[in-house]
Structure formats: C-alpha cells, structure tokens
Amino acid sequence: MIGMLEVQHLDVFYGAVHAVRDVSLTVREGEFVAVIGANGAGKTTLLRTISGLKRPAGGLIQFEGVAVTNLSPDRIVRLGIAHCPEGRRVWPFLTVRENLLLGAFCRKDARGIREDLERVWNYFPRLRERQRQLAGTLSGGEQQMLAIGRALMARPRLLMLDEPSLGLAPVVVQGVAEIIKRINEDGTAVLLVEQNANMALRLASRTYVLEIGKVVREGPSADLAQDESIKAAYLGGGVARAG
C-alpha cells in the first residue's frame, strides 16, 4: 500500500557528516509511526529534511503523491505537514493565543481558524486558561502543549513531533502522550521521533529504529517491544506494552 508520506533512499549531510543514510520510511493515512534511536542517530535531521528545513543530498520525499523533496517549508505546511520541533521553540514574548494564531499563518479561512483554536482549547484546557499569558512564563509542559497546539493550527494531515517528552517530568510526559494519542485517534497521522522508546512503542502502531543515520529495524511496535535486543538497547531491559 502506498503511504501518505513516502521517504525513499534519503541521504543528508552536515558538511562531511553523513547524518541520514539511505533511509526509507512510510506513514499511511491516519497511522501513528515512531522513529526511535539514541541521541545523534539522525532522528531530528530526518524530520527537518521532510519539513524542508534541510536539503537532502539524495533521495525522494513524497506526500500524497506530490514530490516535496525540494519545496520550501511554507509550501510543505500548506500541503498538510506540520512540524513540532525539538525544544518547543515558542515565541516567549507573545501570548499563548498569539503563538497559536501564528501557527495558522498560511491560512485565510477565519471560520476554520476559530474552529481549530477551539479544538486546541479542548485538547489543552490549561492553554485556554492561560491564553493571555506570555508564552515564556509557562512551565515546560505547558510550552510543549503550546508547541503541539501551534502545529495543529495549520490543520495538518500529518503531524511530526520531535522529542515531545524532552525535559518533562514523567507525570507531564504521560499527559502529553495521552493527548498525542487522542490527536491521532481523531484522524491526524502522526510521525513521532523519540528517545523515550517506552513511550514511542506504547503509542505507535509501527516503529523504525535508527542507528548512526540508518534504519536498522522496523516493524509493528508490539513486536519490537518484545525483542530482546531492542529491550536491551532502548528499554533498559524492561518491557514496553504497545497499544
């Protein structure tokens, strides 16, 4: 089956460093796919290349049959891919509401923007309470909620998330994970990059394992979660339940 997103034989360099090596990856419509791997495995570079922030040296990226390999980031957003970056990167001196509205920068449908703002408030009631608060004064967990909400304001068909658990307390991670799962269940495809392999394998239906820029394993998350080599390398020897 042809996917909504098709990455084929992707190569990306930073100077002499071969950061992504012959990577192929598929995300089907409505699917939840994860990419796990150690720090420096090439996960962030992969998302930055898909979203047009980094140019590949070779390979092909297609979204819904359209080649996006060399398109600008704003055109890729308009086609339906939103990228929630590592480190959240909210605008600290703008309010929560202003940050969210900037996520809809490429849209002209005022009614749809109001509907999606209400959708974000429903996912993240705390953001509604703090909508007039400066984003820089939010907690780390609230800033992560805001970053995800801002990406949703583009009304994407594919939401790409880069390390949403980074720097968050476990109880906050659990809450963010539940919302990401809801977003997917409501019809948005998700491509999740995570060092927190337990979280990724629990949420995603399929997972790719990236090591030194190459895909070394892929398959159903439930199978990978029970694989002894995956448990030893990424799960601390524990068991992750996929679902």
Protein backbone atom coordinates (compact mmCIF):
# COMPACT_ATOMS: atom_id res chain seq x y z
CA MET A 1 0.00 0.00 0.00
CA ILE A 2 1.34 3.45 -0.95
CA GLY A 3 1.65 5.71 2.06
CA MET A 4 0.54 9.27 2.68
CA LEU A 5 4.22 10.05 3.30
CA GLU A 6 6.87 8.15 1.35
CA VAL A 7 10.57 8.71 2.10
CA GLN A 8 12.80 6.81 -0.30
CA HIS A 9 16.58 6.32 -0.04
CA LEU A 10 17.15 9.63 1.74
CA ASP A 11 20.72 10.88 2.26
CA VAL A 12 21.50 14.02 4.26
CA PHE A 13 24.88 15.55 5.13
CA TYR A 14 26.07 18.19 7.58
CA GLY A 15 29.39 19.07 5.99
CA ALA A 16 31.34 15.82 5.92
CA VAL A 17 28.99 14.12 8.39
CA HIS A 18 26.60 11.65 6.75
CA ALA A 19 23.67 12.24 9.15
CA VAL A 20 20.96 10.26 7.33
CA ARG A 21 21.98 7.23 5.27
CA ASP A 22 19.72 5.69 2.64
CA VAL A 23 16.61 5.97 4.85
CA SER A 24 13.24 4.79 3.54
CA LEU A 25 10.08 5.26 5.60
CA THR A 26 6.32 5.18 5.09
CA VAL A 27 3.43 6.75 7.02
CA ARG A 28 -0.04 5.77 5.87
CA GLU A 29 -3.16 7.90 6.20
CA GLY A 30 -4.24 8.12 9.83
CA GLU A 31 -1.32 5.98 11.01
CA PHE A 32 0.86 6.52 14.10
CA VAL A 33 4.52 5.80 13.31
CA ALA A 34 7.51 6.28 15.61
CA VAL A 35 11.24 6.62 14.99
CA ILE A 36 13.44 5.72 17.95
CA GLY A 37 17.17 5.84 18.41
CA ALA A 38 19.95 7.21 20.57
CA ASN A 39 20.95 10.86 20.64
CA GLY A 40 22.76 11.65 17.38
CA ALA A 41 21.12 8.85 15.40
CA GLY A 42 19.74 11.29 12.80
CA LYS A 43 16.13 11.48 14.02
CA THR A 44 15.87 15.28 14.16
CA THR A 45 17.68 15.63 10.82
CA LEU A 46 15.13 13.27 9.26
CA LEU A 47 12.18 15.44 10.37
CA ARG A 48 13.93 18.68 9.40
CA THR A 49 14.51 17.28 5.91
CA ILE A 50 10.90 16.13 5.49
CA SER A 51 9.65 19.59 6.52
CA GLY A 52 12.00 21.40 4.12
CA LEU A 53 14.32 22.93 6.70
CA LYS A 54 17.27 20.86 5.47
CA ARG A 55 18.06 19.92 1.89
CA PRO A 56 18.91 16.27 1.17
CA ALA A 57 21.87 15.15 -0.89
CA GLY A 58 19.80 12.39 -2.45
CA GLY A 59 16.54 10.50 -2.28
CA LEU A 60 12.86 11.34 -2.68
CA ILE A 61 10.15 12.58 -0.31
CA GLN A 62 6.53 12.38 -1.47
CA PHE A 63 3.41 13.50 0.36
CA GLU A 64 0.07 12.35 -1.03
CA GLY A 65 1.76 11.68 -4.36
CA VAL A 66 3.43 15.10 -4.59
CA ALA A 67 7.23 15.32 -4.55
CA VAL A 68 8.15 17.71 -1.73
CA THR A 69 11.89 16.98 -1.64
CA ASN A 70 12.93 20.48 -2.66
CA LEU A 71 9.89 22.54 -1.70
CA SER A 72 10.08 25.43 0.78
CA PRO A 73 8.87 24.83 4.36
CA ASP A 74 5.83 27.07 3.94
CA ARG A 75 4.67 25.15 0.84
CA ILE A 76 5.10 21.88 2.70
CA VAL A 77 2.94 23.23 5.55
CA ARG A 78 0.28 24.24 3.03
CA LEU A 79 0.27 20.71 1.61
CA GLY A 80 -0.59 19.34 5.07
CA ILE A 81 2.59 18.56 7.05
CA ALA A 82 3.18 20.34 10.37
CA HIS A 83 6.41 20.02 12.36
CA CYS A 84 6.53 20.46 16.14
CA PRO A 85 10.27 20.96 16.73
CA GLU A 86 12.57 19.71 19.44
CA GLY A 87 12.87 22.18 22.31
CA ARG A 88 9.36 23.60 21.72
CA ARG A 89 10.60 26.98 20.40
CA VAL A 90 7.58 29.05 21.34
CA TRP A 91 7.74 32.83 20.94
CA PRO A 92 8.35 33.81 24.59
CA PHE A 93 7.24 37.45 24.38
CA LEU A 94 3.95 36.70 22.63
CA THR A 95 0.85 35.42 24.40
CA VAL A 96 -0.38 31.86 24.21
CA ARG A 97 -3.17 32.94 21.88
CA GLU A 98 -0.79 34.89 19.62
CA ASN A 99 1.53 31.87 19.38
CA LEU A 100 -1.38 29.68 18.33
CA LEU A 101 -2.62 32.12 15.71
CA LEU A 102 0.88 32.31 14.20
CA GLY A 103 0.56 28.56 13.64
CA ALA A 104 -2.21 29.40 11.15
CA PHE A 105 -0.06 31.91 9.25
CA CYS A 106 -0.64 30.25 5.87
CA ARG A 107 -4.44 30.11 6.21
CA LYS A 108 -7.12 32.60 5.16
CA ASP A 109 -10.23 30.79 6.42
CA ALA A 110 -11.17 32.82 9.51
CA ARG A 111 -14.01 30.50 10.49
CA GLY A 112 -11.80 27.42 10.22
CA ILE A 113 -9.11 29.11 12.29
CA ARG A 114 -11.66 29.84 15.05
CA GLU A 115 -12.80 26.20 14.92
CA ASP A 116 -9.25 24.92 15.22
CA LEU A 117 -8.50 27.31 18.07
CA GLU A 118 -11.46 25.82 19.92
CA ARG A 119 -10.14 22.34 19.09
CA VAL A 120 -6.77 23.23 20.65
CA TRP A 121 -8.53 24.59 23.76
CA ASN A 122 -10.39 21.29 24.03
CA TYR A 123 -7.18 19.27 23.83
CA PHE A 124 -5.36 21.59 26.22
CA PRO A 125 -7.79 23.33 28.63
CA ARG A 126 -4.82 24.78 30.53
CA LEU A 127 -3.87 26.79 27.45
CA ARG A 128 -7.37 28.29 27.34
CA GLU A 129 -6.91 29.40 30.95
CA ARG A 130 -3.54 30.97 30.08
CA GLN A 131 -4.34 32.33 26.62
CA ARG A 132 -3.39 35.92 27.56
CA GLN A 133 -0.22 34.85 29.39
CA LEU A 134 3.21 35.33 27.79
CA ALA A 135 4.45 32.00 26.44
CA GLY A 136 7.86 32.45 28.07
CA THR A 137 6.27 32.35 31.52
CA LEU A 138 4.68 28.93 31.01
CA SER A 139 6.07 25.73 32.52
CA GLY A 140 7.95 23.30 30.29
CA GLY A 141 4.92 21.05 30.00
CA GLU A 142 2.65 23.96 29.11
CA GLN A 143 5.12 25.14 26.47
CA GLN A 144 5.10 21.66 24.95
CA MET A 145 1.30 21.74 24.85
CA LEU A 146 1.52 25.14 23.16
CA ALA A 147 4.03 23.89 20.58
CA ILE A 148 1.75 20.98 19.69
CA GLY A 149 -1.29 23.26 19.58
CA ARG A 150 0.53 25.72 17.34
CA ALA A 151 1.33 22.90 14.88
CA LEU A 152 -2.32 21.81 14.91
CA MET A 153 -3.41 25.32 13.90
CA ALA A 154 -2.05 24.59 10.42
CA ARG A 155 -4.74 21.84 10.24
CA PRO A 156 -2.19 19.20 9.19
CA ARG A 157 -2.98 15.76 7.85
CA LEU A 158 0.42 14.67 9.14
CA LEU A 159 1.77 15.93 12.47
CA MET A 160 5.51 15.42 13.03
CA LEU A 161 6.67 15.60 16.66
CA ASP A 162 10.35 15.84 17.64
CA GLU A 163 11.10 14.66 21.20
CA PRO A 164 7.91 15.95 22.88
CA SER A 165 8.92 14.27 26.16
CA LEU A 166 12.31 16.04 26.35
CA GLY A 167 12.96 17.66 29.73
CA LEU A 168 9.50 16.93 31.13
CA ALA A 169 8.60 15.22 34.40
CA PRO A 170 7.17 11.69 33.99
CA VAL A 171 3.66 12.71 35.03
CA VAL A 172 3.69 15.52 32.44
CA VAL A 173 5.01 13.15 29.78
CA GLN A 174 2.09 10.83 30.44
CA GLY A 175 -0.41 13.66 29.94
CA VAL A 176 1.23 14.84 26.73
CA ALA A 177 1.33 11.25 25.42
CA GLU A 178 -2.40 10.83 26.03
CA ILE A 179 -3.17 13.99 24.05
CA ILE A 180 -0.94 12.90 21.15
CA LYS A 181 -2.80 9.59 21.06
CA ARG A 182 -6.14 11.44 21.01
CA ILE A 183 -5.00 13.64 18.15
CA ASN A 184 -4.15 10.52 16.16
CA GLU A 185 -7.42 8.81 17.06
CA ASP A 186 -9.25 11.91 15.82
CA GLY A 187 -7.79 11.31 12.35
CA THR A 188 -4.41 13.06 12.12
CA ALA A 189 -1.48 10.88 11.10
CA VAL A 190 1.49 11.18 13.47
CA LEU A 191 5.22 10.70 12.90
CA LEU A 192 6.86 10.73 16.34
CA VAL A 193 10.62 10.97 16.92
CA GLU A 194 11.57 9.97 20.47
CA GLN A 195 14.48 8.91 22.64
CA ASN A 196 11.86 7.73 25.14
CA ALA A 197 11.44 4.35 23.46
CA ASN A 198 8.95 3.08 26.04
CA MET A 199 6.61 5.96 25.24
CA ALA A 200 7.09 5.65 21.48
CA LEU A 201 6.48 1.91 21.36
CA ARG A 202 3.42 2.24 23.55
CA LEU A 203 1.83 4.89 21.33
CA ALA A 204 2.78 3.95 17.77
CA SER A 205 1.43 1.09 15.69
CA ARG A 206 4.73 0.80 13.77
CA THR A 207 8.26 1.83 14.68
CA TYR A 208 11.56 2.38 12.87
CA VAL A 209 14.86 2.07 14.75
CA LEU A 210 17.56 4.50 13.60
CA GLU A 211 21.26 3.97 14.37
CA ILE A 212 24.00 6.25 13.07
CA GLY A 213 21.68 7.55 10.37
CA LYS A 214 20.46 4.18 9.10
CA VAL A 215 17.23 2.25 9.64
CA VAL A 216 18.36 -0.98 11.30
CA ARG A 217 14.95 -2.36 12.32
CA GLU A 218 11.31 -1.69 11.52
CA GLY A 219 8.03 -3.38 12.26
CA PRO A 220 4.96 -3.47 14.49
CA SER A 221 5.68 -1.73 17.78
CA ALA A 222 4.29 -4.65 19.77
CA ASP A 223 6.86 -6.99 18.18
CA LEU A 224 9.79 -4.62 18.68
CA ALA A 225 8.81 -4.06 22.32
CA GLN A 226 9.25 -7.78 22.97
CA ASP A 227 12.53 -8.11 21.07
CA GLU A 228 15.40 -8.81 23.46
CA SER A 229 17.94 -6.71 21.53
CA ILE A 230 15.57 -3.72 21.45
CA LYS A 231 14.80 -4.11 25.15
CA ALA A 232 18.49 -4.25 25.99
CA ALA A 233 19.43 -1.26 23.83
CA TYR A 234 16.47 1.10 24.34
CA LEU A 235 14.18 -0.10 27.14
CA GLY A 236 16.63 -0.70 29.95
CA GLY A 237 15.77 -4.39 29.84
CA GLY A 238 12.16 -3.63 30.77
CA VAL A 239 9.03 -4.44 28.88
CA ALA A 240 7.07 -1.80 26.97
CA ARG A 241 3.48 -2.53 26.16
CA ALA A 242 2.44 -1.38 22.72
CA GLY A 243 -1.10 -0.26 22.11
